[in-house]
Protein backbone atom coordinates (compact mmCIF):
# COMPACT_ATOMS: atom_id res chain seq x y z
CA UNK A 1 15.48 11.20 4.49
CA UNK A 2 13.51 9.42 1.77
CA UNK A 3 9.80 10.21 1.78
CA UNK A 4 6.82 8.18 0.51
CA UNK A 5 3.79 9.76 -1.23
CA UNK A 6 0.60 7.80 -1.89
CA UNK A 7 -1.95 8.61 -4.48
CA UNK A 8 -4.89 7.01 -6.32
CA UNK A 9 -7.51 6.88 -3.58
CA UNK A 10 -11.00 8.02 -4.02
CA UNK A 11 -14.69 7.15 -4.10
CA UNK A 12 -15.56 4.00 -5.96
CA UNK A 13 -18.70 1.85 -6.27
CA UNK A 14 -18.83 -1.70 -4.98
CA UNK A 15 -17.25 -3.99 -7.56
CA UNK A 16 -15.04 -1.25 -8.97
CA UNK A 17 -11.24 -1.05 -9.10
CA UNK A 18 -8.58 1.38 -7.95
CA UNK A 19 -4.80 1.40 -8.20
CA UNK A 20 -2.86 3.02 -5.44
CA UNK A 21 0.69 4.37 -6.07
CA UNK A 22 3.42 5.01 -3.59
CA UNK A 23 6.29 7.04 -4.93
CA UNK A 24 9.55 7.38 -3.16
CA UNK A 25 11.48 10.58 -3.14
CA UNK A 26 14.75 8.74 -3.56
CA UNK A 27 15.75 5.30 -4.66
CA UNK A 28 13.39 2.46 -3.96
CA UNK A 29 16.45 0.38 -3.27
CA UNK A 30 16.89 2.36 -0.07
CA UNK A 31 14.25 0.09 1.43
CA UNK A 32 14.75 -3.53 2.51
CA UNK A 33 11.06 -4.09 2.70
CA UNK A 34 7.95 -2.14 1.64
CA UNK A 35 4.28 -2.73 2.43
CA UNK A 36 0.75 -1.53 2.14
CA UNK A 37 -1.31 -1.09 5.25
CA UNK A 38 -4.89 0.04 5.82
CA UNK A 39 -6.86 1.45 8.68
CA UNK A 40 -10.62 1.36 8.62
CA UNK A 41 -12.67 3.69 10.87
CA UNK A 42 -12.62 2.46 14.42
CA UNK A 43 -10.17 -0.34 13.65
CA UNK A 44 -6.46 -0.94 14.04
CA UNK A 45 -4.09 -0.55 11.16
CA UNK A 46 -3.47 -3.84 9.37
CA UNK A 47 -0.84 -5.08 6.94
CA UNK A 48 -2.37 -5.79 3.61
CA UNK A 49 0.66 -6.66 1.47
CA UNK A 50 4.38 -6.73 1.85
CA UNK A 51 7.28 -7.42 -0.29
CA UNK A 52 10.98 -7.80 0.04
CA UNK A 53 13.36 -8.31 -2.90
CA UNK A 54 12.36 -11.94 -3.04
CA UNK A 55 8.62 -12.28 -2.47
CA UNK A 56 5.26 -10.63 -2.42
CA UNK A 57 2.91 -11.63 0.40
CA UNK A 58 -0.75 -10.74 0.78
CA UNK A 59 -1.61 -10.87 4.47
CA UNK A 60 -5.35 -10.32 4.55
CA UNK A 61 -7.43 -13.31 3.62
CA UNK A 62 -10.43 -11.22 2.54
CA UNK A 63 -8.44 -9.49 -0.23
CA UNK A 64 -6.67 -12.52 -1.65
CA UNK A 65 -7.60 -12.90 -5.24
CA UNK A 66 -8.75 -9.31 -5.47
CA UNK A 67 -5.69 -7.30 -4.49
CA UNK A 68 -2.20 -7.52 -5.78
CA UNK A 69 0.94 -5.42 -5.18
CA UNK A 70 3.74 -4.69 -7.57
CA UNK A 71 6.73 -2.43 -7.95
CA UNK A 72 8.37 -0.52 -10.72
CA UNK A 73 12.00 -0.03 -9.72
CA UNK A 74 12.72 2.39 -12.62
CA UNK A 75 9.90 4.67 -11.39
CA UNK A 76 10.82 4.13 -7.65
CA UNK A 77 7.13 3.32 -7.13
CA UNK A 78 5.03 0.56 -5.62
CA UNK A 79 1.46 -0.20 -6.42
CA UNK A 80 -1.61 -1.79 -4.93
CA UNK A 81 -4.12 -2.93 -7.53
CA UNK A 82 -7.53 -3.42 -5.89
CA UNK A 83 -10.32 -5.14 -7.81
CA UNK A 84 -13.85 -6.19 -6.95
CA UNK A 85 -13.80 -3.68 -4.13
CA UNK A 86 -16.27 -4.08 -1.29
CA UNK A 87 -17.60 -1.59 1.29
CA UNK A 88 -15.51 -3.25 3.97
CA UNK A 89 -12.37 -2.26 2.01
CA UNK A 90 -13.07 1.37 2.94
CA UNK A 91 -10.06 2.65 4.78
CA UNK A 92 -7.04 4.97 4.70
CA UNK A 93 -4.33 3.09 2.87
CA UNK A 94 -0.72 3.70 3.77
CA UNK A 95 2.55 2.58 2.34
CA UNK A 96 5.52 1.92 4.51
CA UNK A 97 9.24 1.41 3.79
CA UNK A 98 11.79 -0.17 6.11
CA UNK A 99 15.46 0.76 6.17
CA UNK A 100 17.75 -1.31 8.21
CA UNK A 101 21.18 0.12 7.48
CA UNK A 102 22.74 2.02 9.23
CA UNK A 103 19.83 1.61 11.63
CA UNK A 104 16.20 0.44 11.71
CA UNK A 105 13.90 3.18 10.39
CA UNK A 106 10.30 3.03 9.28
CA UNK A 107 9.11 5.61 6.74
CA UNK A 108 5.33 6.08 6.32
CA UNK A 109 3.41 7.87 3.67
CA UNK A 110 0.61 10.33 4.56
CA UNK A 111 -2.17 7.88 3.50
CA UNK A 112 -4.79 7.94 0.86
CA UNK A 113 -8.50 7.41 1.50
CA UNK A 114 -10.43 4.70 -0.35
CA UNK A 115 -14.17 4.89 0.06
CA UNK A 116 -16.20 2.10 -1.41
CA UNK A 117 -19.78 3.12 -1.48
CA UNK A 118 -22.85 3.20 -3.76
């Protein structure tokens, strides 16, 4: 089974930037859809960004204009570029891939912690 491995998290000051990476162990084309989620302490996991082969969607209003997602098919990797970080962006960030053939399967990465603090 294809695995996902996130990296790039860490401690950053407010206003700083980080770029998260999510590398697949196999082909990125194995997934019909991929996305970035985050879970802040004491809160439910929320979808931050998702993309299919056609479109990228940012789902959280508070990160629009600051976060963007991208993919590099040659490297079998997706990215989440986070700029102008705020303390409320502190969370564990996860990537997820969805396979639909031959059956529906969700594949999650292990998560990477982003801590925005002065």
